[in-house]
């Protein structure tokens, strides 16, 4: 299964330094080929989440975080 994550931006790096990494939801794509794309969590939702909290249901952090 291939997952396409958007490139990491300045805001993503800033949130990670603050202890609130941006979560992603894997959706859409072609299930026959196992190719999916990831949609980032809205900025304000990730900014106001408690520091070090688990991602919301149905969301995940970028692999390696």
PDB file of N, CA and C in Angstrom:
ATOM      1  N   UNK A   1       0.845  -1.167   0.000  1.00  0.00           N
ATOM      2  CA  UNK A   1       0.000   0.000   0.000  1.00  0.00           C
ATOM      3  C   UNK A   1       0.893   1.234   0.000  1.00  0.00           C
ATOM      4  N   UNK A   2       0.649   2.150  -0.907  1.00  0.00           N
ATOM      5  CA  UNK A   2       1.407   3.378  -1.019  1.00  0.00           C
ATOM      6  C   UNK A   2       0.563   4.525  -0.486  1.00  0.00           C
ATOM      7  N   UNK A   3       1.161   5.323   0.388  1.00  0.00           N
ATOM      8  CA  UNK A   3       0.471   6.483   0.939  1.00  0.00           C
ATOM      9  C   UNK A   3       1.253   7.721   0.546  1.00  0.00           C
ATOM     10  N   UNK A   4       0.573   8.710  -0.014  1.00  0.00           N
ATOM     11  CA  UNK A   4       1.209   9.960  -0.395  1.00  0.00           C
ATOM     12  C   UNK A   4       0.899  11.008   0.654  1.00  0.00           C
ATOM     13  N   UNK A   5       1.942  11.479   1.343  1.00  0.00           N
ATOM     14  CA  UNK A   5       1.802  12.541   2.328  1.00  0.00           C
ATOM     15  C   UNK A   5       2.243  13.855   1.690  1.00  0.00           C
ATOM     16  N   UNK A   6       1.552  14.966   1.987  1.00  0.00           N
ATOM     17  CA  UNK A   6       1.997  16.253   1.460  1.00  0.00           C
ATOM     18  C   UNK A   6       3.360  16.601   2.053  1.00  0.00           C
ATOM     19  N   UNK A   7       4.157  17.388   1.344  1.00  0.00           N
ATOM     20  CA  UNK A   7       5.472  17.757   1.880  1.00  0.00           C
ATOM     21  C   UNK A   7       5.337  18.526   3.193  1.00  0.00           C
ATOM     22  N   UNK A   8       6.332  18.370   4.042  1.00  0.00           N
ATOM     23  CA  UNK A   8       6.316  19.045   5.336  1.00  0.00           C
ATOM     24  C   UNK A   8       6.549  20.541   5.134  1.00  0.00           C
ATOM     25  N   UNK A   9       5.697  21.365   5.720  1.00  0.00           N
ATOM     26  CA  UNK A   9       5.791  22.819   5.574  1.00  0.00           C
ATOM     27  C   UNK A   9       6.388  23.442   6.831  1.00  0.00           C
ATOM     28  N   UNK A  10       6.597  24.748   6.770  1.00  0.00           N
ATOM     29  CA  UNK A  10       7.107  25.480   7.924  1.00  0.00           C
ATOM     30  C   UNK A  10       6.161  25.339   9.115  1.00  0.00           C
ATOM     31  N   UNK A  11       4.862  25.408   8.873  1.00  0.00           N
ATOM     32  CA  UNK A  11       3.861  25.285   9.940  1.00  0.00           C
ATOM     33  C   UNK A  11       3.941  23.896  10.577  1.00  0.00           C
ATOM     34  N   UNK A  12       4.121  22.857   9.767  1.00  0.00           N
ATOM     35  CA  UNK A  12       4.251  21.495  10.304  1.00  0.00           C
ATOM     36  C   UNK A  12       5.469  21.372  11.217  1.00  0.00           C
ATOM     37  N   UNK A  13       6.591  21.953  10.801  1.00  0.00           N
ATOM     38  CA  UNK A  13       7.797  21.906  11.635  1.00  0.00           C
ATOM     39  C   UNK A  13       7.612  22.692  12.925  1.00  0.00           C
ATOM     40  N   UNK A  14       6.917  23.838  12.838  1.00  0.00           N
ATOM     41  CA  UNK A  14       6.659  24.651  14.026  1.00  0.00           C
ATOM     42  C   UNK A  14       5.757  23.909  15.015  1.00  0.00           C
ATOM     43  N   UNK A  15       4.699  23.285  14.511  1.00  0.00           N
ATOM     44  CA  UNK A  15       3.810  22.517  15.381  1.00  0.00           C
ATOM     45  C   UNK A  15       4.544  21.353  16.035  1.00  0.00           C
ATOM     46  N   UNK A  16       5.436  20.694  15.290  1.00  0.00           N
ATOM     47  CA  UNK A  16       6.190  19.570  15.843  1.00  0.00           C
ATOM     48  C   UNK A  16       7.100  20.042  16.981  1.00  0.00           C
ATOM     49  N   UNK A  17       7.720  21.222  16.822  1.00  0.00           N
ATOM     50  CA  UNK A  17       8.573  21.764  17.885  1.00  0.00           C
ATOM     51  C   UNK A  17       7.763  22.111  19.130  1.00  0.00           C
ATOM     52  N   UNK A  18       6.499  22.502  18.942  1.00  0.00           N
ATOM     53  CA  UNK A  18       5.619  22.846  20.051  1.00  0.00           C
ATOM     54  C   UNK A  18       5.044  21.597  20.719  1.00  0.00           C
ATOM     55  N   UNK A  19       5.319  20.409  20.159  1.00  0.00           N
ATOM     56  CA  UNK A  19       4.814  19.174  20.743  1.00  0.00           C
ATOM     57  C   UNK A  19       3.418  18.820  20.276  1.00  0.00           C
ATOM     58  N   UNK A  20       2.969  19.441  19.187  1.00  0.00           N
ATOM     59  CA  UNK A  20       1.633  19.188  18.639  1.00  0.00           C
ATOM     60  C   UNK A  20       1.730  18.857  17.154  1.00  0.00           C
ATOM     61  N   UNK A  21       2.298  17.703  16.806  1.00  0.00           N
ATOM     62  CA  UNK A  21       2.437  17.389  15.384  1.00  0.00           C
ATOM     63  C   UNK A  21       1.089  17.286  14.695  1.00  0.00           C
ATOM     64  N   UNK A  22       1.070  17.635  13.432  1.00  0.00           N
ATOM     65  CA  UNK A  22      -0.173  17.606  12.648  1.00  0.00           C
ATOM     66  C   UNK A  22      -0.498  16.169  12.266  1.00  0.00           C
ATOM     67  N   UNK A  23      -1.737  15.784  12.487  1.00  0.00           N
ATOM     68  CA  UNK A  23      -2.192  14.432  12.147  1.00  0.00           C
ATOM     69  C   UNK A  23      -2.701  14.405  10.704  1.00  0.00           C
ATOM     70  N   UNK A  24      -2.775  13.200  10.143  1.00  0.00           N
ATOM     71  CA  UNK A  24      -3.246  13.012   8.784  1.00  0.00           C
ATOM     72  C   UNK A  24      -4.321  11.949   8.760  1.00  0.00           C
ATOM     73  N   UNK A  25      -5.230  12.083   7.803  1.00  0.00           N
ATOM     74  CA  UNK A  25      -6.261  11.079   7.587  1.00  0.00           C
ATOM     75  C   UNK A  25      -6.021  10.499   6.198  1.00  0.00           C
ATOM     76  N   UNK A  26      -5.885   9.186   6.126  1.00  0.00           N
ATOM     77  CA  UNK A  26      -5.677   8.523   4.850  1.00  0.00           C
ATOM     78  C   UNK A  26      -7.044   8.222   4.258  1.00  0.00           C
ATOM     79  N   UNK A  27      -7.274   8.711   3.043  1.00  0.00           N
ATOM     80  CA  UNK A  27      -8.595   8.559   2.433  1.00  0.00           C
ATOM     81  C   UNK A  27      -8.462   8.490   0.922  1.00  0.00           C
ATOM     82  N   UNK A  28      -9.545   8.149   0.303  1.00  0.00           N
ATOM     83  CA  UNK A  28      -9.625   8.155  -1.151  1.00  0.00           C
ATOM     84  C   UNK A  28      -8.610   7.232  -1.794  1.00  0.00           C
ATOM     85  N   UNK A  29      -8.369   7.457  -3.047  1.00  0.00           N
ATOM     86  CA  UNK A  29      -7.379   6.671  -3.755  1.00  0.00           C
ATOM     87  C   UNK A  29      -7.992   5.486  -4.465  1.00  0.00           C
ATOM     88  N   UNK A  30      -7.153   4.634  -4.948  1.00  0.00           N
ATOM     89  CA  UNK A  30      -7.571   3.475  -5.713  1.00  0.00           C
ATOM     90  C   UNK A  30      -7.248   2.224  -4.917  1.00  0.00           C
ATOM     91  N   UNK A  31      -8.247   1.572  -4.374  1.00  0.00           N
ATOM     92  CA  UNK A  31      -8.034   0.394  -3.527  1.00  0.00           C
ATOM     93  C   UNK A  31      -7.503  -0.785  -4.336  1.00  0.00           C
ATOM     94  N   UNK A  32      -7.765  -0.814  -5.642  1.00  0.00           N
ATOM     95  CA  UNK A  32      -7.269  -1.919  -6.458  1.00  0.00           C
ATOM     96  C   UNK A  32      -5.744  -1.928  -6.510  1.00  0.00           C
ATOM     97  N   UNK A  33      -5.143  -0.749  -6.538  1.00  0.00           N
ATOM     98  CA  UNK A  33      -3.692  -0.643  -6.618  1.00  0.00           C
ATOM     99  C   UNK A  33      -3.050  -0.344  -5.264  1.00  0.00           C
ATOM    100  N   UNK A  34      -3.837  -0.061  -4.254  1.00  0.00           N
ATOM    101  CA  UNK A  34      -3.306   0.223  -2.920  1.00  0.00           C
ATOM    102  C   UNK A  34      -2.634   1.576  -2.822  1.00  0.00           C
ATOM    103  N   UNK A  35      -3.124   2.551  -3.565  1.00  0.00           N
ATOM    104  CA  UNK A  35      -2.558   3.897  -3.546  1.00  0.00           C
ATOM    105  C   UNK A  35      -3.552   4.828  -2.863  1.00  0.00           C
ATOM    106  N   UNK A  36      -3.111   5.507  -1.816  1.00  0.00           N
ATOM    107  CA  UNK A  36      -3.980   6.396  -1.045  1.00  0.00           C
ATOM    108  C   UNK A  36      -3.262   7.711  -0.807  1.00  0.00           C
ATOM    109  N   UNK A  37      -4.027   8.773  -0.564  1.00  0.00           N
ATOM    110  CA  UNK A  37      -3.417  10.060  -0.236  1.00  0.00           C
ATOM    111  C   UNK A  37      -3.829  10.460   1.170  1.00  0.00           C
ATOM    112  N   UNK A  38      -2.998  11.247   1.796  1.00  0.00           N
ATOM    113  CA  UNK A  38      -3.251  11.689   3.171  1.00  0.00           C
ATOM    114  C   UNK A  38      -3.682  13.150   3.175  1.00  0.00           C
ATOM    115  N   UNK A  39      -4.709  13.462   3.955  1.00  0.00           N
ATOM    116  CA  UNK A  39      -5.206  14.822   4.113  1.00  0.00           C
ATOM    117  C   UNK A  39      -4.773  15.335   5.477  1.00  0.00           C
ATOM    118  N   UNK A  40      -4.119  16.514   5.529  1.00  0.00           N
ATOM    119  CA  UNK A  40      -3.658  17.017   6.831  1.00  0.00           C
ATOM    120  C   UNK A  40      -4.804  17.511   7.700  1.00  0.00           C
ATOM    121  N   UNK A  41      -4.574  17.442   8.993  1.00  0.00           N
ATOM    122  CA  UNK A  41      -5.524  17.948   9.985  1.00  0.00           C
ATOM    123  C   UNK A  41      -5.548  19.478   9.910  1.00  0.00           C
ATOM    124  N   UNK A  42      -6.692  20.103  10.143  1.00  0.00           N
ATOM    125  CA  UNK A  42      -6.739  21.565  10.128  1.00  0.00           C
ATOM    126  C   UNK A  42      -5.776  22.162  11.174  1.00  0.00           C
ATOM    127  N   UNK A  43      -5.192  23.289  10.814  1.00  0.00           N
ATOM    128  CA  UNK A  43      -4.182  23.937  11.656  1.00  0.00           C
ATOM    129  C   UNK A  43      -4.709  24.242  13.049  1.00  0.00           C
ATOM    130  N   UNK A  44      -5.904  24.830  13.146  1.00  0.00           N
ATOM    131  CA  UNK A  44      -6.415  25.244  14.450  1.00  0.00           C
ATOM    132  C   UNK A  44      -6.715  24.050  15.342  1.00  0.00           C
ATOM    133  N   UNK A  45      -7.168  22.952  14.767  1.00  0.00           N
ATOM    134  CA  UNK A  45      -7.447  21.757  15.569  1.00  0.00           C
ATOM    135  C   UNK A  45      -6.150  21.208  16.170  1.00  0.00           C
ATOM    136  N   UNK A  46      -5.087  21.161  15.364  1.00  0.00           N
ATOM    137  CA  UNK A  46      -3.819  20.651  15.880  1.00  0.00           C
ATOM    138  C   UNK A  46      -3.174  21.637  16.846  1.00  0.00           C
ATOM    139  N   UNK A  47      -3.397  22.932  16.646  1.00  0.00           N
ATOM    140  CA  UNK A  47      -2.805  23.935  17.524  1.00  0.00           C
ATOM    141  C   UNK A  47      -3.415  23.916  18.914  1.00  0.00           C
ATOM    142  N   UNK A  48      -4.722  23.664  19.003  1.00  0.00           N
ATOM    143  CA  UNK A  48      -5.393  23.699  20.297  1.00  0.00           C
ATOM    144  C   UNK A  48      -5.512  22.330  20.967  1.00  0.00           C
ATOM    145  N   UNK A  49      -4.949  21.280  20.358  1.00  0.00           N
ATOM    146  CA  UNK A  49      -4.933  19.963  20.998  1.00  0.00           C
ATOM    147  C   UNK A  49      -3.890  19.987  22.115  1.00  0.00           C
ATOM    148  N   UNK A  50      -4.117  19.223  23.164  1.00  0.00           N
ATOM    149  CA  UNK A  50      -3.171  19.194  24.277  1.00  0.00           C
ATOM    150  C   UNK A  50      -1.822  18.672  23.798  1.00  0.00           C
ATOM    151  N   UNK A  51      -0.757  19.186  24.412  1.00  0.00           N
ATOM    152  CA  UNK A  51       0.593  18.798  24.041  1.00  0.00           C
ATOM    153  C   UNK A  51       0.813  17.316  24.314  1.00  0.00           C
ATOM    154  N   UNK A  52       1.292  16.584  23.309  1.00  0.00           N
ATOM    155  CA  UNK A  52       1.594  15.165  23.452  1.00  0.00           C
ATOM    156  C   UNK A  52       0.379  14.260  23.415  1.00  0.00           C
ATOM    157  N   UNK A  53      -0.795  14.804  23.083  1.00  0.00           N
ATOM    158  CA  UNK A  53      -2.019  13.996  23.057  1.00  0.00           C
ATOM    159  C   UNK A  53      -2.030  13.084  21.826  1.00  0.00           C
ATOM    160  N   UNK A  54      -2.766  12.006  21.927  1.00  0.00           N
ATOM    161  CA  UNK A  54      -2.921  11.086  20.801  1.00  0.00           C
ATOM    162  C   UNK A  54      -3.776  11.755  19.721  1.00  0.00           C
ATOM    163  N   UNK A  55      -3.589  11.354  18.464  1.00  0.00           N
ATOM    164  CA  UNK A  55      -4.422  11.951  17.410  1.00  0.00           C
ATOM    165  C   UNK A  55      -5.876  11.541  17.557  1.00  0.00           C
ATOM    166  N   UNK A  56      -6.812  12.329  17.010  1.00  0.00           N
ATOM    167  CA  UNK A  56      -8.231  11.980  17.096  1.00  0.00           C
ATOM    168  C   UNK A  56      -8.518  10.653  16.384  1.00  0.00           C
ATOM    169  N   UNK A  57      -9.675  10.077  16.641  1.00  0.00           N
ATOM    170  CA  UNK A  57     -10.057   8.823  16.003  1.00  0.00           C
ATOM    171  C   UNK A  57     -10.091   8.989  14.489  1.00  0.00           C
ATOM    172  N   UNK A  58      -9.519   8.022  13.781  1.00  0.00           N
ATOM    173  CA  UNK A  58      -9.487   8.060  12.330  1.00  0.00           C
ATOM    174  C   UNK A  58      -8.316   8.836  11.759  1.00  0.00           C
ATOM    175  N   UNK A  59      -7.514   9.430  12.612  1.00  0.00           N
ATOM    176  CA  UNK A  59      -6.344  10.206  12.184  1.00  0.00           C
ATOM    177  C   UNK A  59      -5.085   9.494  12.646  1.00  0.00           C
ATOM    178  N   UNK A  60      -3.957   9.792  12.027  1.00  0.00           N
ATOM    179  CA  UNK A  60      -2.670   9.213  12.431  1.00  0.00           C
ATOM    180  C   UNK A  60      -1.581  10.243  12.202  1.00  0.00           C
ATOM    181  N   UNK A  61      -0.466  10.059  12.901  1.00  0.00           N
ATOM    182  CA  UNK A  61       0.677  10.938  12.683  1.00  0.00           C
ATOM    183  C   UNK A  61       1.464  10.431  11.498  1.00  0.00           C
ATOM    184  N   UNK A  62       2.268  11.318  10.919  1.00  0.00           N
ATOM    185  CA  UNK A  62       3.131  10.946   9.804  1.00  0.00           C
ATOM    186  C   UNK A  62       4.066   9.816  10.273  1.00  0.00           C
ATOM    187  N   UNK A  63       4.270   8.789   9.472  1.00  0.00           N
ATOM    188  CA  UNK A  63       5.168   7.708   9.886  1.00  0.00           C
ATOM    189  C   UNK A  63       6.542   8.246  10.276  1.00  0.00           C
ATOM    190  N   UNK A  64       7.061   7.782  11.390  1.00  0.00           N
ATOM    191  CA  UNK A  64       8.360   8.231  11.870  1.00  0.00           C
ATOM    192  C   UNK A  64       8.275   9.321  12.920  1.00  0.00           C
ATOM    193  N   UNK A  65       7.080   9.772  13.282  1.00  0.00           N
ATOM    194  CA  UNK A  65       6.934  10.804  14.319  1.00  0.00           C
ATOM    195  C   UNK A  65       6.552  10.185  15.631  1.00  0.00           C
TER     196      UNK A  65
END
